[in-house]
Amino acid sequence: MPAPSMTEQQIHCSFCGKSKDHVAKVIAGAGVYICNECVDLCTEILGTLAESSTDAEIPWPDKMTGEEILEFLPRVAAVSAQVEDNLRVWVTRARDRGVTWARIGAALGMTRQSAWERFSGEE
């Protein structure tokens, strides 16, 4: 089965979780995506940070309660699943072009057998 096109994929912003159908634009990265709304928010935050601080650290995880972390975990898991799905699509695209399992495994830092087991869909 050939890899789905970008228009066929279920793409969600890796930051806010909105579907590509619910935002104006989505920018693709290496297995992750960001919507125009999150880019706007990032631009606003960066503008505020430039005015107030030169600290590049992200302090908010340290200030989260255990309950807030638990509420955040499903979002992290959703991004992880999206990245894994995207990786499968890219491996399928490589296979559609005749790239061997050995080369795919080498690119991913694993053996040919491990790549085949993880991505072939065969048992």
Protein backbone atom coordinates (compact mmCIF):
# COMPACT_ATOMS: atom_id res chain seq x y z
CA MET A 1 0.00 0.00 0.00
CA PRO A 2 1.54 3.35 -1.00
CA ALA A 3 2.16 6.10 1.52
CA PRO A 4 -0.67 8.61 1.95
CA SER A 5 -0.23 12.08 0.51
CA MET A 6 0.03 15.07 2.84
CA THR A 7 -3.61 15.94 2.07
CA GLU A 8 -4.70 12.42 3.10
CA GLN A 9 -2.83 12.43 6.41
CA GLN A 10 -4.51 13.23 9.72
CA ILE A 11 -2.36 16.20 10.67
CA HIS A 12 -2.70 18.07 13.98
CA CYS A 13 -0.68 20.93 15.41
CA SER A 14 1.89 19.40 17.77
CA PHE A 15 1.41 22.34 20.16
CA CYS A 16 -2.34 22.93 20.44
CA GLY A 17 -3.66 19.72 18.90
CA LYS A 18 -5.98 21.42 16.38
CA SER A 19 -6.61 19.56 13.14
CA LYS A 20 -5.26 21.01 9.91
CA ASP A 21 -8.91 21.49 8.94
CA HIS A 22 -9.51 23.89 11.88
CA VAL A 23 -6.65 26.35 11.23
CA ALA A 24 -5.59 28.51 8.29
CA LYS A 25 -2.13 26.96 7.78
CA VAL A 26 0.08 24.23 9.19
CA ILE A 27 3.87 24.20 8.89
CA ALA A 28 5.49 20.77 8.73
CA GLY A 29 8.69 19.90 10.52
CA ALA A 30 10.47 16.60 11.04
CA GLY A 31 7.44 14.61 12.20
CA VAL A 32 5.84 17.56 13.96
CA TYR A 33 3.57 20.39 12.87
CA ILE A 34 2.73 23.89 14.06
CA CYS A 35 -0.34 25.90 13.10
CA ASN A 36 -0.47 29.58 12.23
CA GLU A 37 -2.22 30.33 15.53
CA CYS A 38 0.61 28.80 17.57
CA VAL A 39 3.19 30.61 15.44
CA ASP A 40 1.39 33.87 16.22
CA LEU A 41 1.41 33.02 19.93
CA CYS A 42 5.11 32.12 19.78
CA THR A 43 5.87 35.41 18.05
CA GLU A 44 4.01 37.26 20.78
CA ILE A 45 5.83 35.35 23.53
CA LEU A 46 9.22 35.90 21.91
CA GLY A 47 8.48 39.61 21.62
CA THR A 48 7.59 39.75 25.30
CA LEU A 49 10.67 37.75 26.29
CA ALA A 50 12.94 40.00 24.26
CA GLU A 51 11.67 42.96 26.23
CA SER A 52 11.81 41.40 29.68
CA SER A 53 14.47 38.68 29.85
CA THR A 54 17.38 37.00 28.16
CA ASP A 55 16.69 33.71 29.96
CA ALA A 56 16.24 30.95 27.36
CA GLU A 57 15.03 28.31 29.81
CA ILE A 58 11.45 27.12 29.95
CA PRO A 59 10.45 27.56 33.60
CA TRP A 60 6.82 26.42 33.50
CA PRO A 61 7.31 22.61 33.87
CA ASP A 62 9.03 23.20 37.20
CA LYS A 63 6.02 25.19 38.42
CA MET A 64 3.38 22.64 37.36
CA THR A 65 1.57 20.61 40.00
CA GLY A 66 1.39 16.84 39.76
CA GLU A 67 -2.22 17.16 38.60
CA GLU A 68 -1.27 19.63 35.88
CA ILE A 69 1.45 17.27 34.66
CA LEU A 70 -1.07 14.41 34.54
CA GLU A 71 -3.43 16.59 32.51
CA PHE A 72 -0.57 17.42 30.13
CA LEU A 73 0.54 13.81 29.55
CA PRO A 74 -2.18 12.94 26.99
CA ARG A 75 -1.07 15.88 24.83
CA VAL A 76 2.52 14.64 24.92
CA ALA A 77 1.32 11.12 24.07
CA ALA A 78 -0.75 12.46 21.14
CA VAL A 79 2.30 14.25 19.72
CA SER A 80 4.38 11.10 20.19
CA ALA A 81 1.77 9.04 18.31
CA GLN A 82 1.66 11.62 15.51
CA VAL A 83 5.45 11.55 15.17
CA GLU A 84 5.42 7.73 15.06
CA ASP A 85 2.67 7.74 12.43
CA ASN A 86 4.59 10.31 10.40
CA LEU A 87 7.75 8.22 10.63
CA ARG A 88 5.82 5.22 9.29
CA VAL A 89 4.61 7.31 6.35
CA TRP A 90 8.16 8.45 5.53
CA VAL A 91 9.47 4.89 5.75
CA THR A 92 6.67 3.79 3.41
CA ARG A 93 7.62 6.57 0.99
CA ALA A 94 11.23 5.37 1.07
CA ARG A 95 10.13 1.78 0.44
CA ASP A 96 7.85 2.95 -2.42
CA ARG A 97 11.03 4.36 -4.03
CA GLY A 98 12.92 1.08 -3.63
CA VAL A 99 15.04 2.01 -0.61
CA THR A 100 16.17 -1.16 1.15
CA TRP A 101 15.39 -2.08 4.75
CA ALA A 102 19.14 -2.06 5.43
CA ARG A 103 19.45 1.59 4.34
CA ILE A 104 16.33 2.58 6.28
CA GLY A 105 17.65 0.82 9.37
CA ALA A 106 21.03 2.52 9.03
CA ALA A 107 19.38 5.94 8.68
CA LEU A 108 17.41 5.30 11.88
CA GLY A 109 20.34 3.83 13.82
CA MET A 110 18.91 0.32 13.93
CA THR A 111 19.40 -2.97 12.16
CA ARG A 112 17.67 -3.91 8.94
CA GLN A 113 15.70 -6.53 10.85
CA SER A 114 14.57 -4.04 13.51
CA ALA A 115 13.43 -1.57 10.84
CA TRP A 116 11.52 -4.31 9.03
CA GLU A 117 9.87 -5.53 12.23
CA ARG A 118 8.86 -2.03 13.29
CA PHE A 119 7.61 -0.68 9.97
CA SER A 120 6.77 -3.50 7.52
CA GLY A 121 3.38 -4.38 8.98
CA GLU A 122 4.26 -8.04 8.48
CA GLU A 123 4.68 -10.61 11.20
